C-alpha atoms as a PDB file:
ATOM      1  CA  MET A   1       0.108  -0.143  -0.359  1.00  0.00           C
ATOM      2  CA  ASN A   2       1.273   3.736  -0.756  1.00  0.00           C
ATOM      3  CA  HIS A   3       1.114   5.742   2.136  1.00  0.00           C
ATOM      4  CA  SER A   4       1.543   9.092   0.344  1.00  0.00           C
ATOM      5  CA  SER A   5       1.479  12.548   1.801  1.00  0.00           C
ATOM      6  CA  ASP A   6       0.204  14.223  -1.470  1.00  0.00           C
ATOM      7  CA  PRO A   7      -2.574  16.915  -0.068  1.00  0.00           C
ATOM      8  CA  GLU A   8      -5.028  15.718  -3.173  1.00  0.00           C
ATOM      9  CA  ASP A   9      -4.934  12.300  -1.822  1.00  0.00           C
ATOM     10  CA  ALA A  10      -5.565  13.889   2.228  1.00  0.00           C
ATOM     11  CA  SER A  11      -8.429  15.953   0.840  1.00  0.00           C
ATOM     12  CA  ALA A  12      -9.902  13.083  -1.342  1.00  0.00           C
ATOM     13  CA  ALA A  13      -9.543  10.992   1.780  1.00  0.00           C
ATOM     14  CA  ALA A  14     -11.241  13.613   3.793  1.00  0.00           C
ATOM     15  CA  LEU A  15     -13.510  14.506   1.266  1.00  0.00           C
ATOM     16  CA  TYR A  16     -14.921  10.775   1.295  1.00  0.00           C
ATOM     17  CA  HIS A  17     -14.648  10.417   5.479  1.00  0.00           C
ATOM     18  CA  LEU A  18     -17.203  13.775   5.808  1.00  0.00           C
ATOM     19  CA  LYS A  19     -19.945  12.844   3.118  1.00  0.00           C
ATOM     20  CA  SER A  20     -20.164   9.515   5.489  1.00  0.00           C
ATOM     21  CA  PHE A  21     -21.603  11.278   7.367  1.00  0.00           C
ATOM     22  CA  LEU A  22     -24.886  12.625   5.164  1.00  0.00           C
ATOM     23  CA  ARG A  23     -27.959  12.026   6.724  1.00  0.00           C
ATOM     24  CA  ARG A  24     -26.405  10.966   9.730  1.00  0.00           C
ATOM     25  CA  LEU A  25     -27.721  12.344  12.912  1.00  0.00           C
ATOM     26  CA  VAL A  26     -24.956  14.466  14.929  1.00  0.00           C
ATOM     27  CA  ARG A  27     -24.940  16.147  17.891  1.00  0.00           C
ATOM     28  CA  VAL A  28     -23.513  20.057  17.655  1.00  0.00           C
ATOM     29  CA  THR A  29     -22.363  21.845  21.670  1.00  0.00           C
ATOM     30  CA  VAL A  30     -21.531  25.626  20.803  1.00  0.00           C
ATOM     31  CA  LEU A  31     -20.395  27.631  23.407  1.00  0.00           C
ATOM     32  CA  ASP A  32     -22.999  29.088  24.497  1.00  0.00           C
ATOM     33  CA  GLY A  33     -24.395  25.528  25.837  1.00  0.00           C
ATOM     34  CA  ARG A  34     -26.743  24.707  22.999  1.00  0.00           C
ATOM     35  CA  ILE A  35     -26.878  21.651  21.196  1.00  0.00           C
ATOM     36  CA  PHE A  36     -28.330  21.094  18.334  1.00  0.00           C
ATOM     37  CA  ILE A  37     -29.507  17.409  16.741  1.00  0.00           C
ATOM     38  CA  GLY A  38     -29.921  16.946  13.059  1.00  0.00           C
ATOM     39  CA  SER A  39     -29.484  15.581  10.155  1.00  0.00           C
ATOM     40  CA  PHE A  40     -26.098  16.059   9.011  1.00  0.00           C
ATOM     41  CA  ALA A  41     -26.285  17.550   5.939  1.00  0.00           C
ATOM     42  CA  GLY A  42     -23.266  19.492   4.646  1.00  0.00           C
ATOM     43  CA  THR A  43     -20.590  22.311   5.556  1.00  0.00           C
ATOM     44  CA  ASP A  44     -19.562  24.864   3.734  1.00  0.00           C
ATOM     45  CA  LYS A  45     -15.723  26.087   3.222  1.00  0.00           C
ATOM     46  CA  PRO A  46     -15.563  27.972   6.391  1.00  0.00           C
ATOM     47  CA  LEU A  47     -16.775  24.929   7.938  1.00  0.00           C
ATOM     48  CA  ASN A  48     -20.146  25.820   9.212  1.00  0.00           C
ATOM     49  CA  ILE A  49     -22.478  22.377  10.000  1.00  0.00           C
ATOM     50  CA  LEU A  50     -25.665  22.723   8.115  1.00  0.00           C
ATOM     51  CA  LEU A  51     -27.934  20.725  10.099  1.00  0.00           C
ATOM     52  CA  ILE A  52     -31.918  19.697   8.834  1.00  0.00           C
ATOM     53  CA  ASN A  53     -34.421  18.637  11.035  1.00  0.00           C
ATOM     54  CA  SER A  54     -33.119  20.020  13.836  1.00  0.00           C
ATOM     55  CA  GLU A  55     -33.817  20.335  17.841  1.00  0.00           C
ATOM     56  CA  GLU A  56     -32.305  22.685  19.936  1.00  0.00           C
ATOM     57  CA  TYR A  57     -31.435  22.039  23.360  1.00  0.00           C
ATOM     58  CA  ARG A  58     -30.306  24.149  26.254  1.00  0.00           C
ATOM     59  CA  LEU A  59     -28.221  22.738  29.317  1.00  0.00           C
ATOM     60  CA  ASP A  60     -28.986  26.534  31.371  1.00  0.00           C
ATOM     61  CA  GLY A  61     -32.015  25.206  32.910  1.00  0.00           C
ATOM     62  CA  SER A  62     -34.102  27.461  30.776  1.00  0.00           C
ATOM     63  CA  ASN A  63     -36.763  25.115  29.623  1.00  0.00           C
ATOM     64  CA  ASN A  64     -38.506  22.516  31.519  1.00  0.00           C
ATOM     65  CA  GLY A  65     -38.343  19.408  31.828  1.00  0.00           C
ATOM     66  CA  GLY A  66     -35.382  19.165  29.308  1.00  0.00           C
ATOM     67  CA  ASP A  67     -37.192  19.552  26.689  1.00  0.00           C
ATOM     68  CA  GLY A  68     -36.149  20.504  23.054  1.00  0.00           C
ATOM     69  CA  ARG A  69     -37.522  23.003  20.341  1.00  0.00           C
ATOM     70  CA  TYR A  70     -37.877  22.625  16.962  1.00  0.00           C
ATOM     71  CA  VAL A  71     -35.240  24.586  15.310  1.00  0.00           C
ATOM     72  CA  GLY A  72     -35.759  22.810  11.867  1.00  0.00           C
ATOM     73  CA  GLN A  73     -32.788  23.741   9.233  1.00  0.00           C
ATOM     74  CA  VAL A  74     -29.870  25.773  10.820  1.00  0.00           C
ATOM     75  CA  LEU A  75     -26.699  26.472  10.023  1.00  0.00           C
ATOM     76  CA  VAL A  76     -24.547  26.352  13.234  1.00  0.00           C
ATOM     77  CA  PRO A  77     -21.111  28.588  12.791  1.00  0.00           C
ATOM     78  CA  TRP A  78     -17.887  26.701  12.954  1.00  0.00           C
ATOM     79  CA  ARG A  79     -16.573  29.709  15.554  1.00  0.00           C
ATOM     80  CA  PHE A  80     -18.895  28.540  18.030  1.00  0.00           C
ATOM     81  CA  VAL A  81     -18.574  24.664  17.955  1.00  0.00           C
ATOM     82  CA  VAL A  82     -17.174  23.212  20.470  1.00  0.00           C
ATOM     83  CA  LYS A  83     -17.473  19.844  20.016  1.00  0.00           C
ATOM     84  CA  VAL A  84     -19.506  17.228  17.129  1.00  0.00           C
ATOM     85  CA  GLU A  85     -20.621  13.960  17.782  1.00  0.00           C
ATOM     86  CA  ALA A  86     -22.120  12.096  15.193  1.00  0.00           C
ATOM     87  CA  GLN A  87     -24.589   8.776  16.014  1.00  0.00           C
ATOM     88  CA  GLY A  88     -23.345   4.970  15.707  1.00  0.00           C
ATOM     89  CA  ILE A  89     -24.148   2.945  12.696  1.00  0.00           C
ATOM     90  CA  ASN A  90     -25.751   1.100  15.622  1.00  0.00           C
ATOM     91  CA  GLY A  91     -27.960   4.220  16.437  1.00  0.00           C
ATOM     92  CA  ASP A  92     -27.504   3.913  19.842  1.00  0.00           C
ATOM     93  CA  SER A  93     -24.438   5.895  20.817  1.00  0.00           C
ATOM     94  CA  TYR A  94     -22.553   9.500  19.532  1.00  0.00           C
ATOM     95  CA  PRO A  95     -19.365   8.674  19.428  1.00  0.00           C
ATOM     96  CA  TYR A  96     -17.226  11.592  18.998  1.00  0.00           C
ATOM     97  CA  VAL A  97     -16.117  13.411  15.134  1.00  0.00           C
END
């Protein structure tokens, strides 16, 4: 196996890995403590994260009983992202991405 350090090969591998997350359920935690859970729809060039069919959860105690609110489509700016997790293949866990 040839392990080339060609930047194009690395970019192609990264793009392939990113595409594997399309339509998978992801959880994005942002700086202010909110969590967005939705289907990963892609990123733009600055790596802002686009989620569809999303719900927003607040961990600051401002919501009743931990229920989220439906926000639909959301674009999360990369500079606010603390953590991104994807639901496991078996559907029961969120391993780190």
